[in-house]
Structure formats: structure tokens, C-alpha cells
Amino acid sequence: MTVFSDADLAKKKQYIATLMNVATLFAELDIISTSEGKYIINKKWVTNPITDADVESYGVTAADVSNFFTLMTQFNRLMTNQTTTPLEGRKFADMVRSR
């Protein structure tokens, strides 16, 4: 039996707590992005695209919204074991978050 020091055991417990928090965030993001994706499709944003004028008050462009929607779609595919397409997700998330 391996004996862990108190400090090592505390780090391991902290790591497990972090993993549990991340798993919760993933689950919440999956629920939100799925419902928001349905909302976007139901609003016909795919056939009647968002324009820059629609979102200028938020400090983002229509392309930013489109790219972020693509990121949300890929996340949903990942969470449901579907084929995903490589994309620069961090770039899209950082771009929208920083505006």
C-alpha cells in the first residue's frame, strides 16, 4: 500500500475536485449550447443570417457570431459522439469573450 503525504493527498483531492467542476461545466455548456443552437435554427438565422448591424451594439460582428455558433455545434457533436471538424475554437471563444 502506498502512503501519500498530507500535501500530496491534498493536491490529489484538489485535482479531483477540479475535474468534477470541469465535468459540471461541460454538462452545463452542452445543455445551453444545444438549446441555444435550436433557438438559432428555429429563428431561421441560418436562412436569414445575422448581419453586422444586428450585433454591432454587442461589439461583435456577424462573422464572430457565426464562428461561435460553429464552435457550439462542434462541441455538441463532440458530446454526442458524432464526427467533428477541426477548427480554431479557442480563437473564436477568445474573440467573442474579449469584446
PDB file of N, CA and C in Angstrom:
ATOM      1  N   MET A   1       0.843  -1.173   0.000  1.00  0.00           N
ATOM      2  CA  MET A   1       0.000   0.000   0.000  1.00  0.00           C
ATOM      3  C   MET A   1       0.890   1.239   0.000  1.00  0.00           C
ATOM      4  N   THR A   2       0.579   2.184  -0.900  1.00  0.00           N
ATOM      5  CA  THR A   2       1.345   3.419  -0.987  1.00  0.00           C
ATOM      6  C   THR A   2       0.809   4.422   0.022  1.00  0.00           C
ATOM      7  N   VAL A   3       1.705   5.022   0.749  1.00  0.00           N
ATOM      8  CA  VAL A   3       1.321   6.044   1.719  1.00  0.00           C
ATOM      9  C   VAL A   3       1.634   7.404   1.104  1.00  0.00           C
ATOM     10  N   PHE A   4       0.631   8.272   1.039  1.00  0.00           N
ATOM     11  CA  PHE A   4       0.809   9.609   0.483  1.00  0.00           C
ATOM     12  C   PHE A   4       1.018  10.601   1.609  1.00  0.00           C
ATOM     13  N   SER A   5       1.841  11.607   1.337  1.00  0.00           N
ATOM     14  CA  SER A   5       1.987  12.675   2.316  1.00  0.00           C
ATOM     15  C   SER A   5       0.692  13.480   2.338  1.00  0.00           C
ATOM     16  N   ASP A   6       0.482  14.220   3.415  1.00  0.00           N
ATOM     17  CA  ASP A   6      -0.730  15.033   3.523  1.00  0.00           C
ATOM     18  C   ASP A   6      -0.803  16.044   2.383  1.00  0.00           C
ATOM     19  N   ALA A   7       0.345  16.645   2.026  1.00  0.00           N
ATOM     20  CA  ALA A   7       0.372  17.639   0.953  1.00  0.00           C
ATOM     21  C   ALA A   7       0.027  16.989  -0.387  1.00  0.00           C
ATOM     22  N   ASP A   8       0.574  15.798  -0.636  1.00  0.00           N
ATOM     23  CA  ASP A   8       0.299  15.098  -1.892  1.00  0.00           C
ATOM     24  C   ASP A   8      -1.170  14.687  -1.964  1.00  0.00           C
ATOM     25  N   LEU A   9      -1.704  14.203  -0.861  1.00  0.00           N
ATOM     26  CA  LEU A   9      -3.107  13.806  -0.818  1.00  0.00           C
ATOM     27  C   LEU A   9      -4.004  15.021  -1.033  1.00  0.00           C
ATOM     28  N   ALA A  10      -3.643  16.153  -0.458  1.00  0.00           N
ATOM     29  CA  ALA A  10      -4.428  17.378  -0.644  1.00  0.00           C
ATOM     30  C   ALA A  10      -4.418  17.808  -2.105  1.00  0.00           C
ATOM     31  N   LYS A  11      -3.273  17.683  -2.780  1.00  0.00           N
ATOM     32  CA  LYS A  11      -3.187  18.031  -4.202  1.00  0.00           C
ATOM     33  C   LYS A  11      -4.067  17.103  -5.029  1.00  0.00           C
ATOM     34  N   LYS A  12      -4.042  15.830  -4.712  1.00  0.00           N
ATOM     35  CA  LYS A  12      -4.857  14.859  -5.450  1.00  0.00           C
ATOM     36  C   LYS A  12      -6.352  15.160  -5.259  1.00  0.00           C
ATOM     37  N   LYS A  13      -6.739  15.490  -4.040  1.00  0.00           N
ATOM     38  CA  LYS A  13      -8.140  15.828  -3.775  1.00  0.00           C
ATOM     39  C   LYS A  13      -8.533  17.107  -4.506  1.00  0.00           C
ATOM     40  N   GLN A  14      -7.635  18.080  -4.551  1.00  0.00           N
ATOM     41  CA  GLN A  14      -7.907  19.322  -5.259  1.00  0.00           C
ATOM     42  C   GLN A  14      -8.056  19.053  -6.758  1.00  0.00           C
ATOM     43  N   TYR A  15      -7.207  18.195  -7.289  1.00  0.00           N
ATOM     44  CA  TYR A  15      -7.273  17.840  -8.708  1.00  0.00           C
ATOM     45  C   TYR A  15      -8.609  17.166  -9.031  1.00  0.00           C
ATOM     46  N   ILE A  16      -9.034  16.230  -8.189  1.00  0.00           N
ATOM     47  CA  ILE A  16     -10.310  15.541  -8.404  1.00  0.00           C
ATOM     48  C   ILE A  16     -11.463  16.541  -8.329  1.00  0.00           C
ATOM     49  N   ALA A  17     -11.417  17.464  -7.377  1.00  0.00           N
ATOM     50  CA  ALA A  17     -12.459  18.489  -7.267  1.00  0.00           C
ATOM     51  C   ALA A  17     -12.500  19.354  -8.529  1.00  0.00           C
ATOM     52  N   THR A  18     -11.336  19.701  -9.060  1.00  0.00           N
ATOM     53  CA  THR A  18     -11.274  20.486 -10.294  1.00  0.00           C
ATOM     54  C   THR A  18     -11.886  19.705 -11.453  1.00  0.00           C
ATOM     55  N   LEU A  19     -11.547  18.425 -11.575  1.00  0.00           N
ATOM     56  CA  LEU A  19     -12.132  17.595 -12.639  1.00  0.00           C
ATOM     57  C   LEU A  19     -13.654  17.530 -12.523  1.00  0.00           C
ATOM     58  N   MET A  20     -14.146  17.414 -11.318  1.00  0.00           N
ATOM     59  CA  MET A  20     -15.594  17.357 -11.113  1.00  0.00           C
ATOM     60  C   MET A  20     -16.243  18.688 -11.520  1.00  0.00           C
ATOM     61  N   ASN A  21     -15.596  19.801 -11.192  1.00  0.00           N
ATOM     62  CA  ASN A  21     -16.116  21.113 -11.590  1.00  0.00           C
ATOM     63  C   ASN A  21     -16.120  21.272 -13.106  1.00  0.00           C
ATOM     64  N   VAL A  22     -15.050  20.835 -13.754  1.00  0.00           N
ATOM     65  CA  VAL A  22     -14.971  20.917 -15.217  1.00  0.00           C
ATOM     66  C   VAL A  22     -16.057  20.044 -15.852  1.00  0.00           C
ATOM     67  N   ALA A  23     -16.267  18.858 -15.313  1.00  0.00           N
ATOM     68  CA  ALA A  23     -17.311  17.977 -15.842  1.00  0.00           C
ATOM     69  C   ALA A  23     -18.686  18.636 -15.715  1.00  0.00           C
ATOM     70  N   THR A  24     -18.918  19.318 -14.606  1.00  0.00           N
ATOM     71  CA  THR A  24     -20.181  20.037 -14.413  1.00  0.00           C
ATOM     72  C   THR A  24     -20.316  21.155 -15.444  1.00  0.00           C
ATOM     73  N   LEU A  25     -19.231  21.897 -15.665  1.00  0.00           N
ATOM     74  CA  LEU A  25     -19.257  22.972 -16.658  1.00  0.00           C
ATOM     75  C   LEU A  25     -19.518  22.429 -18.058  1.00  0.00           C
ATOM     76  N   PHE A  26     -18.887  21.300 -18.401  1.00  0.00           N
ATOM     77  CA  PHE A  26     -19.121  20.679 -19.708  1.00  0.00           C
ATOM     78  C   PHE A  26     -20.594  20.307 -19.860  1.00  0.00           C
ATOM     79  N   ALA A  27     -21.164  19.705 -18.826  1.00  0.00           N
ATOM     80  CA  ALA A  27     -22.565  19.299 -18.891  1.00  0.00           C
ATOM     81  C   ALA A  27     -23.475  20.519 -19.057  1.00  0.00           C
ATOM     82  N   GLU A  28     -23.197  21.574 -18.298  1.00  0.00           N
ATOM     83  CA  GLU A  28     -23.995  22.795 -18.410  1.00  0.00           C
ATOM     84  C   GLU A  28     -23.841  23.425 -19.786  1.00  0.00           C
ATOM     85  N   LEU A  29     -22.619  23.473 -20.294  1.00  0.00           N
ATOM     86  CA  LEU A  29     -22.375  24.027 -21.621  1.00  0.00           C
ATOM     87  C   LEU A  29     -23.093  23.217 -22.688  1.00  0.00           C
ATOM     88  N   ASP A  30     -23.095  21.910 -22.545  1.00  0.00           N
ATOM     89  CA  ASP A  30     -23.786  21.049 -23.504  1.00  0.00           C
ATOM     90  C   ASP A  30     -25.273  21.375 -23.526  1.00  0.00           C
ATOM     91  N   ILE A  31     -25.879  21.519 -22.375  1.00  0.00           N
ATOM     92  CA  ILE A  31     -27.310  21.836 -22.287  1.00  0.00           C
ATOM     93  C   ILE A  31     -27.591  23.209 -22.898  1.00  0.00           C
ATOM     94  N   ILE A  32     -26.788  24.193 -22.528  1.00  0.00           N
ATOM     95  CA  ILE A  32     -27.004  25.558 -23.029  1.00  0.00           C
ATOM     96  C   ILE A  32     -26.777  25.635 -24.534  1.00  0.00           C
ATOM     97  N   SER A  33     -25.680  25.069 -24.999  1.00  0.00           N
ATOM     98  CA  SER A  33     -25.380  25.187 -26.429  1.00  0.00           C
ATOM     99  C   SER A  33     -26.386  24.418 -27.282  1.00  0.00           C
ATOM    100  N   THR A  34     -26.906  23.324 -26.769  1.00  0.00           N
ATOM    101  CA  THR A  34     -27.935  22.588 -27.503  1.00  0.00           C
ATOM    102  C   THR A  34     -29.207  23.412 -27.612  1.00  0.00           C
ATOM    103  N   SER A  35     -29.649  23.990 -26.501  1.00  0.00           N
ATOM    104  CA  SER A  35     -30.887  24.771 -26.542  1.00  0.00           C
ATOM    105  C   SER A  35     -30.704  26.053 -27.349  1.00  0.00           C
ATOM    106  N   GLU A  36     -29.563  26.707 -27.215  1.00  0.00           N
ATOM    107  CA  GLU A  36     -29.318  27.927 -27.987  1.00  0.00           C
ATOM    108  C   GLU A  36     -29.197  27.613 -29.475  1.00  0.00           C
ATOM    109  N   GLY A  37     -28.581  26.485 -29.799  1.00  0.00           N
ATOM    110  CA  GLY A  37     -28.488  26.084 -31.198  1.00  0.00           C
ATOM    111  C   GLY A  37     -29.860  25.871 -31.807  1.00  0.00           C
ATOM    112  N   LYS A  38     -30.751  25.227 -31.050  1.00  0.00           N
ATOM    113  CA  LYS A  38     -32.119  25.029 -31.532  1.00  0.00           C
ATOM    114  C   LYS A  38     -32.819  26.378 -31.703  1.00  0.00           C
ATOM    115  N   TYR A  39     -32.575  27.289 -30.775  1.00  0.00           N
ATOM    116  CA  TYR A  39     -33.172  28.623 -30.860  1.00  0.00           C
ATOM    117  C   TYR A  39     -32.703  29.336 -32.126  1.00  0.00           C
ATOM    118  N   ILE A  40     -31.412  29.272 -32.379  1.00  0.00           N
ATOM    119  CA  ILE A  40     -30.859  29.934 -33.567  1.00  0.00           C
ATOM    120  C   ILE A  40     -31.465  29.341 -34.836  1.00  0.00           C
ATOM    121  N   ILE A  41     -31.558  28.035 -34.900  1.00  0.00           N
ATOM    122  CA  ILE A  41     -32.130  27.391 -36.089  1.00  0.00           C
ATOM    123  C   ILE A  41     -33.620  27.710 -36.207  1.00  0.00           C
ATOM    124  N   ASN A  42     -34.340  27.683 -35.067  1.00  0.00           N
ATOM    125  CA  ASN A  42     -35.773  27.986 -35.095  1.00  0.00           C
ATOM    126  C   ASN A  42     -36.049  29.428 -35.513  1.00  0.00           C
ATOM    127  N   LYS A  43     -35.136  30.326 -35.221  1.00  0.00           N
ATOM    128  CA  LYS A  43     -35.299  31.722 -35.608  1.00  0.00           C
ATOM    129  C   LYS A  43     -34.893  31.958 -37.064  1.00  0.00           C
ATOM    130  N   LYS A  44     -34.551  30.891 -37.744  1.00  0.00           N
ATOM    131  CA  LYS A  44     -34.184  30.952 -39.162  1.00  0.00           C
ATOM    132  C   LYS A  44     -32.927  31.778 -39.406  1.00  0.00           C
ATOM    133  N   TRP A  45     -32.034  31.834 -38.410  1.00  0.00           N
ATOM    134  CA  TRP A  45     -30.804  32.588 -38.589  1.00  0.00           C
ATOM    135  C   TRP A  45     -29.917  31.950 -39.651  1.00  0.00           C
ATOM    136  N   VAL A  46     -30.171  30.691 -39.926  1.00  0.00           N
ATOM    137  CA  VAL A  46     -29.378  30.014 -40.948  1.00  0.00           C
ATOM    138  C   VAL A  46     -29.809  30.495 -42.342  1.00  0.00           C
ATOM    139  N   THR A  47     -31.121  30.631 -42.551  1.00  0.00           N
ATOM    140  CA  THR A  47     -31.616  31.085 -43.854  1.00  0.00           C
ATOM    141  C   THR A  47     -31.756  32.601 -43.933  1.00  0.00           C
ATOM    142  N   ASN A  48     -31.818  33.267 -42.805  1.00  0.00           N
ATOM    143  CA  ASN A  48     -31.892  34.730 -42.749  1.00  0.00           C
ATOM    144  C   ASN A  48     -30.777  35.187 -41.815  1.00  0.00           C
ATOM    145  N   PRO A  49     -29.545  35.209 -42.310  1.00  0.00           N
ATOM    146  CA  PRO A  49     -28.373  35.383 -41.445  1.00  0.00           C
ATOM    147  C   PRO A  49     -28.361  36.680 -40.638  1.00  0.00           C
ATOM    148  N   ILE A  50     -27.676  36.600 -39.523  1.00  0.00           N
ATOM    149  CA  ILE A  50     -27.429  37.776 -38.693  1.00  0.00           C
ATOM    150  C   ILE A  50     -26.512  38.706 -39.477  1.00  0.00           C
ATOM    151  N   THR A  51     -26.776  39.983 -39.374  1.00  0.00           N
ATOM    152  CA  THR A  51     -25.920  40.965 -40.039  1.00  0.00           C
ATOM    153  C   THR A  51     -25.079  41.690 -38.999  1.00  0.00           C
ATOM    154  N   ASP A  52     -24.052  42.370 -39.455  1.00  0.00           N
ATOM    155  CA  ASP A  52     -23.232  43.165 -38.544  1.00  0.00           C
ATOM    156  C   ASP A  52     -24.082  44.194 -37.810  1.00  0.00           C
ATOM    157  N   ALA A  53     -25.054  44.766 -38.507  1.00  0.00           N
ATOM    158  CA  ALA A  53     -25.931  45.763 -37.878  1.00  0.00           C
ATOM    159  C   ALA A  53     -26.736  45.155 -36.725  1.00  0.00           C
ATOM    160  N   ASP A  54     -27.097  43.875 -36.842  1.00  0.00           N
ATOM    161  CA  ASP A  54     -27.870  43.197 -35.784  1.00  0.00           C
ATOM    162  C   ASP A  54     -27.094  43.091 -34.474  1.00  0.00           C
ATOM    163  N   VAL A  55     -25.783  42.984 -34.571  1.00  0.00           N
ATOM    164  CA  VAL A  55     -24.988  42.687 -33.374  1.00  0.00           C
ATOM    165  C   VAL A  55     -23.956  43.757 -33.026  1.00  0.00           C
ATOM    166  N   GLU A  56     -23.958  44.860 -33.758  1.00  0.00           N
ATOM    167  CA  GLU A  56     -22.925  45.869 -33.529  1.00  0.00           C
ATOM    168  C   GLU A  56     -22.950  46.432 -32.109  1.00  0.00           C
ATOM    169  N   SER A  57     -24.110  46.504 -31.479  1.00  0.00           N
ATOM    170  CA  SER A  57     -24.186  47.049 -30.121  1.00  0.00           C
ATOM    171  C   SER A  57     -23.489  46.155 -29.094  1.00  0.00           C
ATOM    172  N   TYR A  58     -23.224  44.890 -29.462  1.00  0.00           N
ATOM    173  CA  TYR A  58     -22.512  43.967 -28.573  1.00  0.00           C
ATOM    174  C   TYR A  58     -21.000  44.005 -28.798  1.00  0.00           C
ATOM    175  N   GLY A  59     -20.578  44.738 -29.817  1.00  0.00           N
ATOM    176  CA  GLY A  59     -19.146  44.825 -30.106  1.00  0.00           C
ATOM    177  C   GLY A  59     -18.589  43.613 -30.826  1.00  0.00           C
ATOM    178  N   VAL A  60     -19.465  42.849 -31.462  1.00  0.00           N
ATOM    179  CA  VAL A  60     -19.032  41.686 -32.236  1.00  0.00           C
ATOM    180  C   VAL A  60     -19.555  41.844 -33.661  1.00  0.00           C
ATOM    181  N   THR A  61     -19.034  41.038 -34.542  1.00  0.00           N
ATOM    182  CA  THR A  61     -19.502  41.046 -35.927  1.00  0.00           C
ATOM    183  C   THR A  61     -20.377  39.824 -36.179  1.00  0.00           C
ATOM    184  N   ALA A  62     -21.070  39.848 -37.285  1.00  0.00           N
ATOM    185  CA  ALA A  62     -21.877  38.685 -37.673  1.00  0.00           C
ATOM    186  C   ALA A  62     -20.980  37.466 -37.866  1.00  0.00           C
ATOM    187  N   ALA A  63     -19.773  37.683 -38.386  1.00  0.00           N
ATOM    188  CA  ALA A  63     -18.837  36.576 -38.570  1.00  0.00           C
ATOM    189  C   ALA A  63     -18.435  35.976 -37.221  1.00  0.00           C
ATOM    190  N   ASP A  64     -18.257  36.822 -36.195  1.00  0.00           N
ATOM    191  CA  ASP A  64     -17.934  36.320 -34.853  1.00  0.00           C
ATOM    192  C   ASP A  64     -19.042  35.400 -34.351  1.00  0.00           C
ATOM    193  N   VAL A  65     -20.281  35.844 -34.518  1.00  0.00           N
ATOM    194  CA  VAL A  65     -21.421  35.040 -34.062  1.00  0.00           C
ATOM    195  C   VAL A  65     -21.484  33.726 -34.835  1.00  0.00           C
ATOM    196  N   SER A  66     -21.290  33.803 -36.125  1.00  0.00           N
ATOM    197  CA  SER A  66     -21.309  32.596 -36.960  1.00  0.00           C
ATOM    198  C   SER A  66     -20.208  31.624 -36.541  1.00  0.00           C
ATOM    199  N   ASN A  67     -19.014  32.151 -36.330  1.00  0.00           N
ATOM    200  CA  ASN A  67     -17.902  31.293 -35.909  1.00  0.00           C
ATOM    201  C   ASN A  67     -18.162  30.674 -34.544  1.00  0.00           C
ATOM    202  N   PHE A  68     -18.735  31.438 -33.634  1.00  0.00           N
ATOM    203  CA  PHE A  68     -19.017  30.896 -32.317  1.00  0.00           C
ATOM    204  C   PHE A  68     -20.121  29.848 -32.390  1.00  0.00           C
ATOM    205  N   PHE A  69     -21.112  30.067 -33.246  1.00  0.00           N
ATOM    206  CA  PHE A  69     -22.157  29.064 -33.445  1.00  0.00           C
ATOM    207  C   PHE A  69     -21.549  27.773 -33.978  1.00  0.00           C
ATOM    208  N   THR A  70     -20.583  27.896 -34.880  1.00  0.00           N
ATOM    209  CA  THR A  70     -19.871  26.721 -35.397  1.00  0.00           C
ATOM    210  C   THR A  70     -19.152  25.998 -34.261  1.00  0.00           C
ATOM    211  N   LEU A  71     -18.522  26.752 -33.374  1.00  0.00           N
ATOM    212  CA  LEU A  71     -17.854  26.155 -32.215  1.00  0.00           C
ATOM    213  C   LEU A  71     -18.866  25.420 -31.333  1.00  0.00           C
ATOM    214  N   MET A  72     -20.016  26.035 -31.075  1.00  0.00           N
ATOM    215  CA  MET A  72     -21.054  25.391 -30.265  1.00  0.00           C
ATOM    216  C   MET A  72     -21.532  24.097 -30.920  1.00  0.00           C
ATOM    217  N   THR A  73     -21.702  24.142 -32.239  1.00  0.00           N
ATOM    218  CA  THR A  73     -22.147  22.957 -32.973  1.00  0.00           C
ATOM    219  C   THR A  73     -21.134  21.832 -32.845  1.00  0.00           C
ATOM    220  N   GLN A  74     -19.856  22.161 -32.988  1.00  0.00           N
ATOM    221  CA  GLN A  74     -18.806  21.146 -32.871  1.00  0.00           C
ATOM    222  C   GLN A  74     -18.753  20.582 -31.452  1.00  0.00           C
ATOM    223  N   PHE A  75     -18.948  21.442 -30.453  1.00  0.00           N
ATOM    224  CA  PHE A  75     -18.975  20.962 -29.067  1.00  0.00           C
ATOM    225  C   PHE A  75     -20.119  19.968 -28.878  1.00  0.00           C
ATOM    226  N   ASN A  76     -21.306  20.295 -29.406  1.00  0.00           N
ATOM    227  CA  ASN A  76     -22.439  19.370 -29.305  1.00  0.00           C
ATOM    228  C   ASN A  76     -22.143  18.045 -29.986  1.00  0.00           C
ATOM    229  N   ARG A  77     -21.486  18.102 -31.125  1.00  0.00           N
ATOM    230  CA  ARG A  77     -21.124  16.862 -31.827  1.00  0.00           C
ATOM    231  C   ARG A  77     -20.146  16.041 -30.985  1.00  0.00           C
ATOM    232  N   LEU A  78     -19.193  16.704 -30.391  1.00  0.00           N
ATOM    233  CA  LEU A  78     -18.224  16.011 -29.534  1.00  0.00           C
ATOM    234  C   LEU A  78     -18.933  15.327 -28.370  1.00  0.00           C
ATOM    235  N   MET A  79     -19.869  16.024 -27.757  1.00  0.00           N
ATOM    236  CA  MET A  79     -20.563  15.493 -26.591  1.00  0.00           C
ATOM    237  C   MET A  79     -21.523  14.359 -26.935  1.00  0.00           C
ATOM    238  N   THR A  80     -21.899  14.246 -28.210  1.00  0.00           N
ATOM    239  CA  THR A  80     -22.825  13.184 -28.616  1.00  0.00           C
ATOM    240  C   THR A  80     -22.167  12.148 -29.517  1.00  0.00           C
ATOM    241  N   ASN A  81     -20.833  12.099 -29.457  1.00  0.00           N
ATOM    242  CA  ASN A  81     -20.056  11.093 -30.169  1.00  0.00           C
ATOM    243  C   ASN A  81     -20.278  11.119 -31.684  1.00  0.00           C
ATOM    244  N   GLN A  82     -20.401  12.334 -32.228  1.00  0.00           N
ATOM    245  CA  GLN A  82     -20.511  12.499 -33.668  1.00  0.00           C
ATOM    246  C   GLN A  82     -19.174  12.999 -34.219  1.00  0.00           C
ATOM    247  N   THR A  83     -19.014  12.878 -35.517  1.00  0.00           N
ATOM    248  CA  THR A  83     -17.797  13.341 -36.163  1.00  0.00           C
ATOM    249  C   THR A  83     -17.695  14.859 -36.044  1.00  0.00           C
ATOM    250  N   THR A  84     -16.517  15.326 -35.664  1.00  0.00           N
ATOM    251  CA  THR A  84     -16.275  16.759 -35.563  1.00  0.00           C
ATOM    252  C   THR A  84     -15.293  17.193 -36.635  1.00  0.00           C
ATOM    253  N   THR A  85     -15.264  18.481 -36.875  1.00  0.00           N
ATOM    254  CA  THR A  85     -14.363  19.071 -37.851  1.00  0.00           C
ATOM    255  C   THR A  85     -13.362  19.936 -37.094  1.00  0.00           C
ATOM    256  N   PRO A  86     -12.074  19.807 -37.391  1.00  0.00           N
ATOM    257  CA  PRO A  86     -11.094  20.653 -36.709  1.00  0.00           C
ATOM    258  C   PRO A  86     -11.387  22.139 -36.966  1.00  0.00           C
ATOM    259  N   LEU A  87     -11.297  22.926 -35.936  1.00  0.00           N
ATOM    260  CA  LEU A  87     -11.451  24.365 -36.065  1.00  0.00           C
ATOM    261  C   LEU A  87     -10.675  25.050 -34.947  1.00  0.00           C
ATOM    262  N   GLU A  88     -10.515  26.329 -35.077  1.00  0.00           N
ATOM    263  CA  GLU A  88      -9.768  27.091 -34.077  1.00  0.00           C
ATOM    264  C   GLU A  88     -10.727  27.594 -33.002  1.00  0.00           C
ATOM    265  N   GLY A  89     -11.239  26.679 -32.221  1.00  0.00           N
ATOM    266  CA  GLY A  89     -12.246  27.002 -31.221  1.00  0.00           C
ATOM    267  C   GLY A  89     -11.794  28.029 -30.201  1.00  0.00           C
ATOM    268  N   ARG A  90     -10.575  27.902 -29.721  1.00  0.00           N
ATOM    269  CA  ARG A  90     -10.090  28.855 -28.727  1.00  0.00           C
ATOM    270  C   ARG A  90     -10.061  30.261 -29.311  1.00  0.00           C
ATOM    271  N   LYS A  91      -9.667  30.362 -30.575  1.00  0.00           N
ATOM    272  CA  LYS A  91      -9.616  31.664 -31.250  1.00  0.00           C
ATOM    273  C   LYS A  91     -11.011  32.282 -31.269  1.00  0.00           C
ATOM    274  N   PHE A  92     -12.024  31.514 -31.618  1.00  0.00           N
ATOM    275  CA  PHE A  92     -13.388  32.037 -31.678  1.00  0.00           C
ATOM    276  C   PHE A  92     -13.897  32.415 -30.290  1.00  0.00           C
ATOM    277  N   ALA A  93     -13.652  31.550 -29.318  1.00  0.00           N
ATOM    278  CA  ALA A  93     -14.116  31.837 -27.963  1.00  0.00           C
ATOM    279  C   ALA A  93     -13.427  33.073 -27.400  1.00  0.00           C
ATOM    280  N   ASP A  94     -12.113  33.161 -27.581  1.00  0.00           N
ATOM    281  CA  ASP A  94     -11.373  34.319 -27.074  1.00  0.00           C
ATOM    282  C   ASP A  94     -11.823  35.603 -27.758  1.00  0.00           C
ATOM    283  N   MET A  95     -12.103  35.531 -29.045  1.00  0.00           N
ATOM    284  CA  MET A  95     -12.517  36.713 -29.786  1.00  0.00           C
ATOM    285  C   MET A  95     -13.841  37.255 -29.244  1.00  0.00           C
ATOM    286  N   VAL A  96     -14.801  36.392 -29.033  1.00  0.00           N
ATOM    287  CA  VAL A  96     -16.103  36.830 -28.539  1.00  0.00           C
ATOM    288  C   VAL A  96     -16.001  37.269 -27.078  1.00  0.00           C
ATOM    289  N   ARG A  97     -15.256  36.532 -26.294  1.00  0.00           N
ATOM    290  CA  ARG A  97     -15.118  36.851 -24.863  1.00  0.00           C
ATOM    291  C   ARG A  97     -14.433  38.183 -24.646  1.00  0.00           C
ATOM    292  N   SER A  98     -13.488  38.540 -25.509  1.00  0.00           N
ATOM    293  CA  SER A  98     -12.699  39.749 -25.300  1.00  0.00           C
ATOM    294  C   SER A  98     -13.396  41.021 -25.766  1.00  0.00           C
ATOM    295  N   ARG A  99     -14.521  40.886 -26.420  1.00  0.00           N
ATOM    296  CA  ARG A  99     -15.210  42.091 -26.952  1.00  0.00           C
ATOM    297  C   ARG A  99     -16.013  42.791 -25.899  1.00  0.00           C
TER     298      ARG A  99
END
